[in-house]
C-alpha atoms as a PDB file:
ATOM      1  CA  MET A   1     -22.197 -49.184  -2.636  1.00  0.00           C
ATOM      2  CA  ASN A   2     -19.976 -51.683  -4.419  1.00  0.00           C
ATOM      3  CA  ARG A   3     -16.439 -50.459  -4.800  1.00  0.00           C
ATOM      4  CA  GLY A   4     -15.756 -49.406  -8.319  1.00  0.00           C
ATOM      5  CA  SER A   5     -19.407 -49.192  -9.270  1.00  0.00           C
ATOM      6  CA  PHE A   6     -19.098 -45.470 -10.035  1.00  0.00           C
ATOM      7  CA  TRP A   7     -17.070 -43.965 -12.863  1.00  0.00           C
ATOM      8  CA  PHE A   8     -15.866 -40.417 -12.399  1.00  0.00           C
ATOM      9  CA  GLY A   9     -14.735 -38.480 -15.461  1.00  0.00           C
ATOM     10  CA  LEU A  10     -13.445 -34.943 -15.242  1.00  0.00           C
ATOM     11  CA  MET A  11     -14.545 -32.521 -17.912  1.00  0.00           C
ATOM     12  CA  ALA A  12     -12.570 -29.587 -16.577  1.00  0.00           C
ATOM     13  CA  GLY A  13     -11.968 -27.631 -13.431  1.00  0.00           C
ATOM     14  CA  VAL A  14     -11.485 -23.925 -13.735  1.00  0.00           C
ATOM     15  CA  LEU A  15     -10.369 -21.514 -11.070  1.00  0.00           C
ATOM     16  CA  ALA A  16     -12.584 -18.484 -10.748  1.00  0.00           C
ATOM     17  CA  VAL A  17      -9.854 -16.507  -9.039  1.00  0.00           C
ATOM     18  CA  ALA A  18      -6.269 -15.811 -10.048  1.00  0.00           C
ATOM     19  CA  LEU A  19      -4.649 -14.506  -6.900  1.00  0.00           C
ATOM     20  CA  ALA A  20      -1.360 -15.871  -5.582  1.00  0.00           C
ATOM     21  CA  VAL A  21      -2.579 -19.356  -6.564  1.00  0.00           C
ATOM     22  CA  GLY A  22      -3.031 -18.278 -10.171  1.00  0.00           C
ATOM     23  CA  LEU A  23      -5.633 -19.680 -12.565  1.00  0.00           C
ATOM     24  CA  PHE A  24      -5.649 -23.472 -12.976  1.00  0.00           C
ATOM     25  CA  SER A  25      -7.455 -25.985 -15.143  1.00  0.00           C
ATOM     26  CA  LEU A  26      -8.053 -29.550 -14.058  1.00  0.00           C
ATOM     27  CA  VAL A  27      -7.657 -32.648 -16.263  1.00  0.00           C
ATOM     28  CA  GLN A  28      -7.910 -36.315 -15.394  1.00  0.00           C
ATOM     29  CA  ALA A  29      -4.565 -38.112 -15.259  1.00  0.00           C
ATOM     30  CA  GLN A  30      -4.268 -41.559 -16.848  1.00  0.00           C
ATOM     31  CA  GLY A  31      -2.178 -43.437 -14.314  1.00  0.00           C
ATOM     32  CA  GLU A  32       1.159 -41.873 -15.291  1.00  0.00           C
ATOM     33  CA  PRO A  33       3.031 -39.012 -13.595  1.00  0.00           C
ATOM     34  CA  PRO A  34       2.727 -35.699 -15.431  1.00  0.00           C
ATOM     35  CA  ASP A  35       5.217 -34.676 -18.064  1.00  0.00           C
ATOM     36  CA  GLU A  36       5.669 -31.497 -20.053  1.00  0.00           C
ATOM     37  CA  ARG A  37       4.132 -32.729 -23.320  1.00  0.00           C
ATOM     38  CA  GLY A  38       0.530 -31.789 -22.529  1.00  0.00           C
ATOM     39  CA  PRO A  39      -2.618 -33.988 -22.505  1.00  0.00           C
ATOM     40  CA  ALA A  40      -2.946 -34.532 -26.268  1.00  0.00           C
ATOM     41  CA  ALA A  41       0.620 -35.840 -26.705  1.00  0.00           C
ATOM     42  CA  ARG A  42       0.023 -38.398 -23.931  1.00  0.00           C
ATOM     43  CA  GLY A  43      -3.185 -39.676 -25.530  1.00  0.00           C
ATOM     44  CA  LEU A  44      -5.477 -37.672 -23.243  1.00  0.00           C
ATOM     45  CA  THR A  45      -8.547 -35.779 -24.385  1.00  0.00           C
ATOM     46  CA  ILE A  46     -10.670 -33.138 -22.675  1.00  0.00           C
ATOM     47  CA  GLU A  47     -14.325 -33.003 -23.737  1.00  0.00           C
ATOM     48  CA  GLY A  48     -16.621 -30.073 -23.089  1.00  0.00           C
ATOM     49  CA  ALA A  49     -14.029 -28.085 -21.175  1.00  0.00           C
ATOM     50  CA  SER A  50     -15.495 -24.704 -20.336  1.00  0.00           C
ATOM     51  CA  ALA A  51     -15.743 -22.147 -17.575  1.00  0.00           C
ATOM     52  CA  VAL A  52     -19.159 -21.669 -16.047  1.00  0.00           C
ATOM     53  CA  PRO A  53     -20.172 -17.969 -16.051  1.00  0.00           C
ATOM     54  CA  GLN A  54     -20.984 -16.908 -12.510  1.00  0.00           C
ATOM     55  CA  ALA A  55     -22.181 -13.637 -11.046  1.00  0.00           C
ATOM     56  CA  GLY A  56     -19.452 -11.586  -9.418  1.00  0.00           C
ATOM     57  CA  GLY A  57     -19.780  -9.270  -6.470  1.00  0.00           C
ATOM     58  CA  SER A  58     -18.179  -6.357  -4.683  1.00  0.00           C
ATOM     59  CA  GLY A  59     -15.141  -6.339  -2.415  1.00  0.00           C
ATOM     60  CA  PRO A  60     -12.251  -8.832  -2.394  1.00  0.00           C
ATOM     61  CA  MET A  61     -12.714 -11.963  -4.507  1.00  0.00           C
ATOM     62  CA  ALA A  62     -13.274 -15.279  -2.744  1.00  0.00           C
ATOM     63  CA  LEU A  63     -10.607 -17.980  -2.872  1.00  0.00           C
ATOM     64  CA  ALA A  64     -12.991 -20.695  -4.091  1.00  0.00           C
ATOM     65  CA  PHE A  65     -12.780 -22.036  -7.637  1.00  0.00           C
ATOM     66  CA  ASN A  66     -15.363 -23.784  -9.766  1.00  0.00           C
ATOM     67  CA  PHE A  67     -14.889 -27.516 -10.354  1.00  0.00           C
ATOM     68  CA  GLN A  68     -16.848 -29.485 -12.971  1.00  0.00           C
ATOM     69  CA  GLY A  69     -17.041 -33.200 -13.602  1.00  0.00           C
ATOM     70  CA  GLN A  70     -19.117 -36.168 -14.668  1.00  0.00           C
ATOM     71  CA  VAL A  71     -20.272 -39.160 -12.634  1.00  0.00           C
ATOM     72  CA  LYS A  72     -21.397 -42.443 -14.230  1.00  0.00           C
ATOM     73  CA  LYS A  73     -22.868 -45.516 -12.533  1.00  0.00           C
ATOM     74  CA  ASN A  74     -22.586 -48.816 -14.358  1.00  0.00           C
ATOM     75  CA  GLY A  75     -21.568 -46.876 -17.437  1.00  0.00           C
ATOM     76  CA  LEU A  76     -24.623 -44.594 -17.396  1.00  0.00           C
ATOM     77  CA  PRO A  77     -24.785 -40.922 -16.334  1.00  0.00           C
ATOM     78  CA  TYR A  78     -25.954 -40.683 -12.715  1.00  0.00           C
ATOM     79  CA  THR A  79     -28.730 -38.350 -11.548  1.00  0.00           C
ATOM     80  CA  GLY A  80     -29.142 -37.565  -7.854  1.00  0.00           C
ATOM     81  CA  THR A  81     -26.975 -36.157  -5.096  1.00  0.00           C
ATOM     82  CA  CYS A  82     -23.453 -37.062  -3.965  1.00  0.00           C
ATOM     83  CA  ASP A  83     -21.222 -36.247  -1.016  1.00  0.00           C
ATOM     84  CA  MET A  84     -17.728 -35.393  -2.243  1.00  0.00           C
ATOM     85  CA  GLU A  85     -14.372 -34.768  -0.583  1.00  0.00           C
ATOM     86  CA  PHE A  86     -11.327 -33.361  -2.335  1.00  0.00           C
ATOM     87  CA  GLY A  87      -7.827 -33.835  -0.945  1.00  0.00           C
ATOM     88  CA  LEU A  88      -4.918 -31.692  -2.155  1.00  0.00           C
ATOM     89  CA  TYR A  89      -1.649 -33.651  -2.350  1.00  0.00           C
ATOM     90  CA  ASP A  90       1.947 -32.844  -3.248  1.00  0.00           C
ATOM     91  CA  SER A  91       2.513 -36.138  -5.092  1.00  0.00           C
ATOM     92  CA  PHE A  92       0.839 -38.210  -7.805  1.00  0.00           C
ATOM     93  CA  SER A  93       0.680 -41.138  -5.375  1.00  0.00           C
ATOM     94  CA  GLY A  94       1.480 -41.300  -1.676  1.00  0.00           C
ATOM     95  CA  GLY A  95       2.936 -37.995  -0.609  1.00  0.00           C
ATOM     96  CA  THR A  96       1.489 -35.524   1.874  1.00  0.00           C
ATOM     97  CA  LEU A  97      -2.127 -34.470   2.232  1.00  0.00           C
ATOM     98  CA  LEU A  98      -1.897 -30.672   2.278  1.00  0.00           C
ATOM     99  CA  GLU A  99      -5.568 -29.867   2.835  1.00  0.00           C
ATOM    100  CA  THR A 100      -9.048 -31.355   2.464  1.00  0.00           C
ATOM    101  CA  ALA A 101     -11.990 -29.466   0.980  1.00  0.00           C
ATOM    102  CA  THR A 102     -15.625 -30.510   0.797  1.00  0.00           C
ATOM    103  CA  ASP A 103     -17.943 -29.652  -2.046  1.00  0.00           C
ATOM    104  CA  LEU A 104     -19.798 -26.357  -1.697  1.00  0.00           C
ATOM    105  CA  PRO A 105     -22.758 -26.444  -1.541  1.00  0.00           C
ATOM    106  CA  GLU A 106     -23.006 -29.839   0.150  1.00  0.00           C
ATOM    107  CA  PRO A 107     -24.291 -32.259  -1.014  1.00  0.00           C
ATOM    108  CA  THR A 108     -23.690 -31.794  -4.732  1.00  0.00           C
ATOM    109  CA  ALA A 109     -26.527 -32.165  -7.205  1.00  0.00           C
ATOM    110  CA  VAL A 110     -25.729 -34.360 -10.221  1.00  0.00           C
ATOM    111  CA  ASN A 111     -27.919 -34.074 -13.308  1.00  0.00           C
ATOM    112  CA  LYS A 112     -27.425 -36.603 -16.111  1.00  0.00           C
ATOM    113  CA  GLY A 113     -23.922 -37.212 -14.816  1.00  0.00           C
ATOM    114  CA  LEU A 114     -22.863 -33.570 -14.798  1.00  0.00           C
ATOM    115  CA  PHE A 115     -22.124 -31.519 -11.704  1.00  0.00           C
ATOM    116  CA  ALA A 116     -20.423 -28.271 -10.704  1.00  0.00           C
ATOM    117  CA  THR A 117     -19.152 -27.447  -7.244  1.00  0.00           C
ATOM    118  CA  ASN A 118     -16.862 -24.915  -5.581  1.00  0.00           C
ATOM    119  CA  LEU A 119     -13.584 -25.751  -3.837  1.00  0.00           C
ATOM    120  CA  SER A 120     -11.279 -23.639  -1.738  1.00  0.00           C
ATOM    121  CA  PHE A 121      -7.691 -24.322  -0.662  1.00  0.00           C
ATOM    122  CA  ALA A 122      -5.235 -22.058   1.140  1.00  0.00           C
ATOM    123  CA  THR A 123      -3.125 -20.125  -1.362  1.00  0.00           C
ATOM    124  CA  ASN A 124       0.154 -20.956   0.406  1.00  0.00           C
ATOM    125  CA  HIS A 125      -0.060 -24.515  -0.985  1.00  0.00           C
ATOM    126  CA  PHE A 126       0.516 -23.231  -4.521  1.00  0.00           C
ATOM    127  CA  THR A 127       4.180 -22.264  -4.782  1.00  0.00           C
ATOM    128  CA  GLY A 128       4.951 -23.467  -8.308  1.00  0.00           C
ATOM    129  CA  ASP A 129       5.305 -27.211  -7.651  1.00  0.00           C
ATOM    130  CA  TYR A 130       2.898 -29.858  -8.979  1.00  0.00           C
ATOM    131  CA  ARG A 131      -0.301 -30.352  -7.001  1.00  0.00           C
ATOM    132  CA  TYR A 132      -2.835 -33.198  -7.259  1.00  0.00           C
ATOM    133  CA  ILE A 133      -6.460 -33.654  -6.198  1.00  0.00           C
ATOM    134  CA  GLU A 134      -7.718 -36.954  -4.816  1.00  0.00           C
ATOM    135  CA  ILE A 135     -11.506 -37.366  -4.941  1.00  0.00           C
ATOM    136  CA  ARG A 136     -13.690 -39.357  -2.555  1.00  0.00           C
ATOM    137  CA  LEU A 137     -17.465 -39.624  -3.044  1.00  0.00           C
ATOM    138  CA  ARG A 138     -20.589 -41.505  -2.047  1.00  0.00           C
ATOM    139  CA  CYS A 139     -23.820 -41.552  -4.004  1.00  0.00           C
ATOM    140  CA  PRO A 140     -26.607 -41.080  -3.004  1.00  0.00           C
ATOM    141  CA  ALA A 141     -25.552 -38.460  -0.465  1.00  0.00           C
ATOM    142  CA  GLY A 142     -25.706 -39.544   3.172  1.00  0.00           C
ATOM    143  CA  SER A 143     -25.635 -43.289   2.456  1.00  0.00           C
ATOM    144  CA  GLY A 144     -22.890 -45.883   2.301  1.00  0.00           C
ATOM    145  CA  THR A 145     -19.178 -45.247   2.585  1.00  0.00           C
ATOM    146  CA  TYR A 146     -16.884 -42.957   0.626  1.00  0.00           C
ATOM    147  CA  GLU A 147     -15.026 -44.440  -2.321  1.00  0.00           C
ATOM    148  CA  THR A 148     -11.600 -43.107  -3.263  1.00  0.00           C
ATOM    149  CA  LEU A 149     -11.105 -42.608  -6.985  1.00  0.00           C
ATOM    150  CA  ALA A 150      -7.767 -43.251  -8.640  1.00  0.00           C
ATOM    151  CA  PRO A 151      -5.622 -41.940 -10.118  1.00  0.00           C
ATOM    152  CA  ARG A 152      -5.398 -38.438  -8.712  1.00  0.00           C
ATOM    153  CA  THR A 153      -6.125 -35.389 -10.833  1.00  0.00           C
ATOM    154  CA  VAL A 154      -3.218 -33.190 -11.862  1.00  0.00           C
ATOM    155  CA  LEU A 155      -3.458 -29.415 -11.578  1.00  0.00           C
ATOM    156  CA  TYR A 156      -2.092 -27.699 -14.670  1.00  0.00           C
ATOM    157  CA  PRO A 157      -1.593 -23.929 -14.990  1.00  0.00           C
ATOM    158  CA  ALA A 158      -3.775 -22.056 -17.428  1.00  0.00           C
ATOM    159  CA  PRO A 159      -2.096 -19.391 -19.618  1.00  0.00           C
ATOM    160  CA  TYR A 160      -2.768 -16.429 -17.340  1.00  0.00           C
ATOM    161  CA  ALA A 161      -1.220 -18.238 -14.379  1.00  0.00           C
ATOM    162  CA  LEU A 162       2.098 -18.228 -16.252  1.00  0.00           C
ATOM    163  CA  GLY A 163       2.228 -14.505 -15.537  1.00  0.00           C
ATOM    164  CA  LEU A 164       3.259 -15.374 -11.982  1.00  0.00           C
ATOM    165  CA  ARG A 165       6.358 -17.318 -13.001  1.00  0.00           C
ATOM    166  CA  ALA A 166       9.932 -16.076 -12.536  1.00  0.00           C
ATOM    167  CA  GLY A 167      10.887 -13.402 -15.058  1.00  0.00           C
ATOM    168  CA  THR A 168       7.313 -12.175 -15.365  1.00  0.00           C
ATOM    169  CA  ARG A 169       6.763  -8.712 -16.830  1.00  0.00           C
ATOM    170  CA  VAL A 170       3.563  -6.889 -15.918  1.00  0.00           C
ATOM    171  CA  ILE A 171       3.001  -4.078 -18.423  1.00  0.00           C
ATOM    172  CA  GLY A 172       0.055  -1.713 -18.422  1.00  0.00           C
ATOM    173  CA  PRO A 173      -1.082   1.925 -18.483  1.00  0.00           C
ATOM    174  CA  GLY A 174      -0.045   2.934 -14.985  1.00  0.00           C
ATOM    175  CA  VAL A 175      -0.558   6.547 -13.895  1.00  0.00           C
ATOM    176  CA  MET A 176       0.814   8.567 -10.993  1.00  0.00           C
ATOM    177  CA  GLY A 177      -0.737   7.329  -7.769  1.00  0.00           C
ATOM    178  CA  SER A 178      -2.165   4.227  -9.465  1.00  0.00           C
ATOM    179  CA  GLY A 179       0.555   1.878 -10.655  1.00  0.00           C
ATOM    180  CA  VAL A 180       0.453  -1.108 -12.959  1.00  0.00           C
ATOM    181  CA  LEU A 181       0.661  -3.357  -9.881  1.00  0.00           C
ATOM    182  CA  TYR A 182      -1.054  -2.439  -6.619  1.00  0.00           C
ATOM    183  CA  LEU A 183      -0.598  -4.364  -3.377  1.00  0.00           C
ATOM    184  CA  GLU A 184      -2.332  -3.552  -0.099  1.00  0.00           C
ATOM    185  CA  SER A 185      -2.303  -5.313   3.245  1.00  0.00           C
ATOM    186  CA  ILE A 186      -5.553  -4.859   5.169  1.00  0.00           C
ATOM    187  CA  THR A 187      -4.307  -6.389   8.431  1.00  0.00           C
ATOM    188  CA  THR A 188      -2.479  -4.663  11.276  1.00  0.00           C
ATOM    189  CA  ASN A 189       1.308  -4.822  10.802  1.00  0.00           C
ATOM    190  CA  GLY A 190       0.804  -6.787   7.585  1.00  0.00           C
ATOM    191  CA  ASP A 191       3.345  -6.380   4.790  1.00  0.00           C
ATOM    192  CA  GLY A 192       2.172  -5.266   1.369  1.00  0.00           C
ATOM    193  CA  LEU A 193       5.168  -6.831  -0.379  1.00  0.00           C
ATOM    194  CA  ASP A 194       7.889  -9.182   0.837  1.00  0.00           C
ATOM    195  CA  VAL A 195      10.846  -9.650  -1.493  1.00  0.00           C
ATOM    196  CA  LYS A 196      13.949 -11.737  -0.840  1.00  0.00           C
ATOM    197  CA  ALA A 197      17.188 -12.315  -2.737  1.00  0.00           C
ATOM    198  CA  VAL A 198      19.040 -15.343  -1.395  1.00  0.00           C
ATOM    199  CA  THR A 199      22.732 -14.949  -2.138  1.00  0.00           C
ATOM    200  CA  GLY A 200      25.286 -13.358  -4.456  1.00  0.00           C
ATOM    201  CA  SER A 201      27.030  -9.990  -4.792  1.00  0.00           C
ATOM    202  CA  TYR A 202      24.320  -8.791  -7.176  1.00  0.00           C
ATOM    203  CA  ALA A 203      21.334 -10.527  -5.577  1.00  0.00           C
ATOM    204  CA  TRP A 204      19.139  -7.453  -5.250  1.00  0.00           C
ATOM    205  CA  ALA A 205      15.755  -8.051  -3.659  1.00  0.00           C
ATOM    206  CA  ILE A 206      14.336  -4.970  -5.394  1.00  0.00           C
ATOM    207  CA  TYR A 207      15.816  -3.427  -8.519  1.00  0.00           C
ATOM    208  CA  GLY A 208      14.102  -0.303  -9.745  1.00  0.00           C
ATOM    209  CA  GLU A 209      14.636   1.891 -12.770  1.00  0.00           C
ATOM    210  CA  GLY A 210      12.829   5.064 -13.680  1.00  0.00           C
ATOM    211  CA  SER A 211      13.429   8.277 -15.565  1.00  0.00           C
ATOM    212  CA  ALA A 212      12.368  10.118 -12.404  1.00  0.00           C
ATOM    213  CA  ALA A 213      12.914   7.599  -9.593  1.00  0.00           C
ATOM    214  CA  GLY A 214      13.692   3.894  -9.362  1.00  0.00           C
ATOM    215  CA  VAL A 215      12.056   3.324  -5.961  1.00  0.00           C
ATOM    216  CA  VAL A 216       9.602   5.631  -4.188  1.00  0.00           C
ATOM    217  CA  GLY A 217       8.219   5.125  -0.696  1.00  0.00           C
ATOM    218  CA  TYR A 218       5.628   7.072   1.292  1.00  0.00           C
ATOM    219  CA  GLY A 219       5.001   7.150   5.020  1.00  0.00           C
ATOM    220  CA  THR A 220       1.360   8.149   5.436  1.00  0.00           C
ATOM    221  CA  THR A 221       1.260   8.527   9.251  1.00  0.00           C
ATOM    222  CA  SER A 222       3.190  10.677  11.733  1.00  0.00           C
ATOM    223  CA  THR A 223       5.358   7.663  12.594  1.00  0.00           C
ATOM    224  CA  GLY A 224       5.379   6.161   9.097  1.00  0.00           C
ATOM    225  CA  ILE A 225       8.607   5.545   7.191  1.00  0.00           C
ATOM    226  CA  GLY A 226       8.841   6.088   3.456  1.00  0.00           C
ATOM    227  CA  VAL A 227      11.758   3.738   2.798  1.00  0.00           C
ATOM    228  CA  LEU A 228      13.272   1.571   5.522  1.00  0.00           C
ATOM    229  CA  ALA A 229      16.822   0.276   5.140  1.00  0.00           C
ATOM    230  CA  LYS A 230      17.576  -2.468   7.644  1.00  0.00           C
ATOM    231  CA  GLY A 231      20.872  -4.165   8.392  1.00  0.00           C
ATOM    232  CA  ASN A 232      21.511  -7.301  10.411  1.00  0.00           C
ATOM    233  CA  ASN A 233      21.668  -5.319  13.692  1.00  0.00           C
ATOM    234  CA  SER A 234      24.659  -7.392  14.785  1.00  0.00           C
ATOM    235  CA  VAL A 235      27.077  -5.818  17.250  1.00  0.00           C
ATOM    236  CA  SER A 236      29.878  -8.233  16.411  1.00  0.00           C
ATOM    237  CA  THR A 237      29.513  -8.293  12.608  1.00  0.00           C
ATOM    238  CA  PRO A 238      27.470  -5.260  11.506  1.00  0.00           C
ATOM    239  CA  ASN A 239      26.704  -4.890   7.820  1.00  0.00           C
ATOM    240  CA  THR A 240      25.551  -1.980   5.659  1.00  0.00           C
ATOM    241  CA  ALA A 241      21.933  -0.906   5.999  1.00  0.00           C
ATOM    242  CA  LEU A 242      22.010   1.751   3.264  1.00  0.00           C
ATOM    243  CA  TYR A 243      24.463   1.921   0.373  1.00  0.00           C
ATOM    244  CA  VAL A 244      24.473   4.772  -2.123  1.00  0.00           C
ATOM    245  CA  TYR A 245      26.338   4.088  -5.367  1.00  0.00           C
ATOM    246  CA  GLY A 246      27.353   6.534  -8.042  1.00  0.00           C
ATOM    247  CA  GLY A 247      25.253   9.514  -6.995  1.00  0.00           C
ATOM    248  CA  GLY A 248      24.383  11.954  -4.270  1.00  0.00           C
ATOM    249  CA  ILE A 249      21.458  12.350  -1.911  1.00  0.00           C
ATOM    250  CA  THR A 250      18.940  15.067  -2.734  1.00  0.00           C
ATOM    251  CA  VAL A 251      16.264  16.287  -0.333  1.00  0.00           C
ATOM    252  CA  SER A 252      13.143  18.319  -1.066  1.00  0.00           C
ATOM    253  CA  GLY A 253       9.694  18.998   0.319  1.00  0.00           C
ATOM    254  CA  SER A 254       8.251  21.283   2.969  1.00  0.00           C
ATOM    255  CA  VAL A 255      10.004  19.327   5.750  1.00  0.00           C
ATOM    256  CA  LYS A 256      13.599  18.733   4.686  1.00  0.00           C
ATOM    257  CA  PRO A 257      16.339  17.074   6.747  1.00  0.00           C
ATOM    258  CA  ALA A 258      18.891  19.257   4.928  1.00  0.00           C
ATOM    259  CA  PHE A 259      18.421  22.982   4.343  1.00  0.00           C
ATOM    260  CA  VAL A 260      20.153  26.346   4.469  1.00  0.00           C
ATOM    261  CA  LEU A 261      19.788  28.337   7.687  1.00  0.00           C
ATOM    262  CA  THR A 262      19.974  32.115   7.260  1.00  0.00           C
ATOM    263  CA  VAL A 263      20.664  34.044  10.467  1.00  0.00           C
ATOM    264  CA  PRO A 264      17.636  36.387  10.777  1.00  0.00           C
ATOM    265  CA  SER A 265      19.241  39.036  12.963  1.00  0.00           C
ATOM    266  CA  THR A 266      22.504  39.769  14.743  1.00  0.00           C
ATOM    267  CA  ALA A 267      22.620  37.699  17.931  1.00  0.00           C
ATOM    268  CA  SER A 268      24.786  35.185  19.719  1.00  0.00           C
ATOM    269  CA  CYS A 269      22.527  32.297  18.657  1.00  0.00           C
ATOM    270  CA  ALA A 270      19.998  31.464  15.952  1.00  0.00           C
ATOM    271  CA  LYS A 271      17.377  28.755  16.302  1.00  0.00           C
ATOM    272  CA  ILE A 272      17.533  25.758  13.961  1.00  0.00           C
ATOM    273  CA  ASP A 273      13.786  25.804  13.472  1.00  0.00           C
ATOM    274  CA  SER A 274      12.669  22.462  12.033  1.00  0.00           C
ATOM    275  CA  PRO A 275       9.917  19.997  13.032  1.00  0.00           C
ATOM    276  CA  LEU A 276      12.572  17.295  12.741  1.00  0.00           C
ATOM    277  CA  ALA A 277      14.658  18.939  15.478  1.00  0.00           C
ATOM    278  CA  ASN A 278      12.172  20.828  17.650  1.00  0.00           C
ATOM    279  CA  GLY A 279      11.519  18.950  20.881  1.00  0.00           C
ATOM    280  CA  ASN A 280      14.008  16.250  19.892  1.00  0.00           C
ATOM    281  CA  PRO A 281      17.142  16.405  22.079  1.00  0.00           C
ATOM    282  CA  ASN A 282      18.433  13.180  20.510  1.00  0.00           C
ATOM    283  CA  ALA A 283      18.626  14.571  16.989  1.00  0.00           C
ATOM    284  CA  LEU A 284      22.008  14.699  15.274  1.00  0.00           C
ATOM    285  CA  ILE A 285      22.795  18.144  13.867  1.00  0.00           C
ATOM    286  CA  PHE A 286      25.537  18.681  11.278  1.00  0.00           C
ATOM    287  CA  VAL A 287      26.578  22.224  10.349  1.00  0.00           C
ATOM    288  CA  THR A 288      28.833  23.634   7.615  1.00  0.00           C
ATOM    289  CA  PRO A 289      29.218  27.266   6.501  1.00  0.00           C
ATOM    290  CA  THR A 290      27.955  28.243   3.055  1.00  0.00           C
ATOM    291  CA  ALA A 291      29.794  31.549   2.558  1.00  0.00           C
ATOM    292  CA  ILE A 292      32.558  33.731   3.934  1.00  0.00           C
ATOM    293  CA  GLU A 293      31.679  35.944   6.859  1.00  0.00           C
ATOM    294  CA  PRO A 294      31.435  39.611   5.818  1.00  0.00           C
ATOM    295  CA  GLY A 295      34.867  41.241   6.185  1.00  0.00           C
ATOM    296  CA  ALA A 296      36.687  37.928   6.729  1.00  0.00           C
ATOM    297  CA  ILE A 297      38.993  36.087   4.351  1.00  0.00           C
ATOM    298  CA  VAL A 298      38.367  32.569   5.690  1.00  0.00           C
ATOM    299  CA  PRO A 299      35.103  30.749   6.394  1.00  0.00           C
ATOM    300  CA  TYR A 300      33.821  31.172   9.911  1.00  0.00           C
ATOM    301  CA  VAL A 301      34.041  27.967  11.932  1.00  0.00           C
ATOM    302  CA  ASP A 302      33.791  29.186  15.532  1.00  0.00           C
ATOM    303  CA  VAL A 303      30.239  27.953  16.096  1.00  0.00           C
ATOM    304  CA  HIS A 304      28.564  25.160  18.014  1.00  0.00           C
ATOM    305  CA  VAL A 305      25.057  23.746  18.429  1.00  0.00           C
ATOM    306  CA  HIS A 306      23.223  23.612  21.703  1.00  0.00           C
ATOM    307  CA  TYR A 307      19.864  22.215  22.838  1.00  0.00           C
ATOM    308  CA  TRP A 308      17.707  24.332  25.124  1.00  0.00           C
ATOM    309  CA  THR A 309      14.578  23.050  26.829  1.00  0.00           C
ATOM    310  CA  GLU A 310      12.811  26.446  26.912  1.00  0.00           C
ATOM    311  CA  ASP A 311       9.750  26.989  24.711  1.00  0.00           C
ATOM    312  CA  GLY A 312       9.211  23.272  24.175  1.00  0.00           C
ATOM    313  CA  GLY A 313      12.849  22.535  23.422  1.00  0.00           C
ATOM    314  CA  GLY A 314      14.934  23.222  20.354  1.00  0.00           C
ATOM    315  CA  TRP A 315      18.383  23.329  18.805  1.00  0.00           C
ATOM    316  CA  TYR A 316      20.361  26.569  18.425  1.00  0.00           C
ATOM    317  CA  LEU A 317      23.420  27.488  16.422  1.00  0.00           C
ATOM    318  CA  CYS A 318      25.657  29.744  18.529  1.00  0.00           C
ATOM    319  CA  ARG A 319      28.853  31.723  17.990  1.00  0.00           C
ATOM    320  CA  ASN A 320      31.656  30.708  20.355  1.00  0.00           C
ATOM    321  CA  SER A 321      32.583  34.347  20.860  1.00  0.00           C
ATOM    322  CA  GLY A 322      30.726  37.407  19.703  1.00  0.00           C
ATOM    323  CA  ASN A 323      27.573  37.390  17.638  1.00  0.00           C
ATOM    324  CA  LEU A 324      26.327  35.809  14.478  1.00  0.00           C
ATOM    325  CA  ALA A 325      25.839  38.483  11.863  1.00  0.00           C
ATOM    326  CA  ALA A 326      22.483  38.841  10.166  1.00  0.00           C
ATOM    327  CA  GLY A 327      22.501  37.153   6.767  1.00  0.00           C
ATOM    328  CA  MET A 328      25.088  34.494   7.628  1.00  0.00           C
ATOM    329  CA  LYS A 329      24.203  31.183   5.999  1.00  0.00           C
ATOM    330  CA  PHE A 330      24.837  27.644   7.211  1.00  0.00           C
ATOM    331  CA  ASN A 331      24.114  24.226   5.744  1.00  0.00           C
ATOM    332  CA  ILE A 332      22.125  22.134   8.226  1.00  0.00           C
ATOM    333  CA  LEU A 333      21.656  18.336   8.170  1.00  0.00           C
ATOM    334  CA  ILE A 334      19.340  16.723  10.741  1.00  0.00           C
ATOM    335  CA  ILE A 335      19.296  12.985  11.441  1.00  0.00           C
ATOM    336  CA  GLN A 336      16.612  11.615  13.719  1.00  0.00           C
ATOM    337  CA  THR A 337      17.480   8.753  16.029  1.00  0.00           C
ATOM    338  CA  GLN A 338      15.123   6.063  17.271  1.00  0.00           C
END
């Protein structure tokens, strides 16, 4: 094939999936780096730009997107088959080849110059910076050598892709248990959401507001953690893992780390019966009295906690001398250690 004997004109390329990559449209550049004025202001035109309706499916969407174009030979629309390669670059010329994709299915059928194929690139290449596609093809398929077309094609974001830009607001009819935005990792030890704030006294990675709660976390397994606060774990320069500002800490639920223990009957000790403490000799137990002992004029303070291994192990609140009277009440706070 003589170099330059084919003319390749892009009608449009439309992503069929708007995941982390977002939805993109493809237009043919005219030998100049992209600017912010749009194709029309630079003298560019797009003819017949349209998305091709395709049947969907069930389960997670594929990462491939539909790419349309037109091939001409000697100025006339070409009919036949072509082998095509598409390179994703980070620069209009030169630069780094990020990934190469072949047309799917391969080879590509061209009818009166028009073709449609599917491309797939890894989503981590699309981080908000300009990306460019370089096209290589040979027609008929399986013969001759590949010809590289120039200039490269610029990827421009379509309107819905702008929803992924900084400052984005996602607003919708969320209901309890089914939020406006749902993220799920289906791999072992995979994160559902990673958020990072780089620097600054008010660089908050997650800022939540709500009439009921700003941030809610659930641990769905016996070892799961609802909300994990993690510091730098440095012995020499430890920082704060959890900071509570302008409010208290409230606990509720059937298994509470803080509760009121009422002494059931007169005895020297009363068991601190909690699944957070039972069988856990490393638990931290904090105790304060809630009322004045009957007949006394000062709060009782002559108590201590003790862990016994009998009956599967458990923590007990004991009087230093004498017995605890039935009906005495104590505030209990349990902290589990790892």
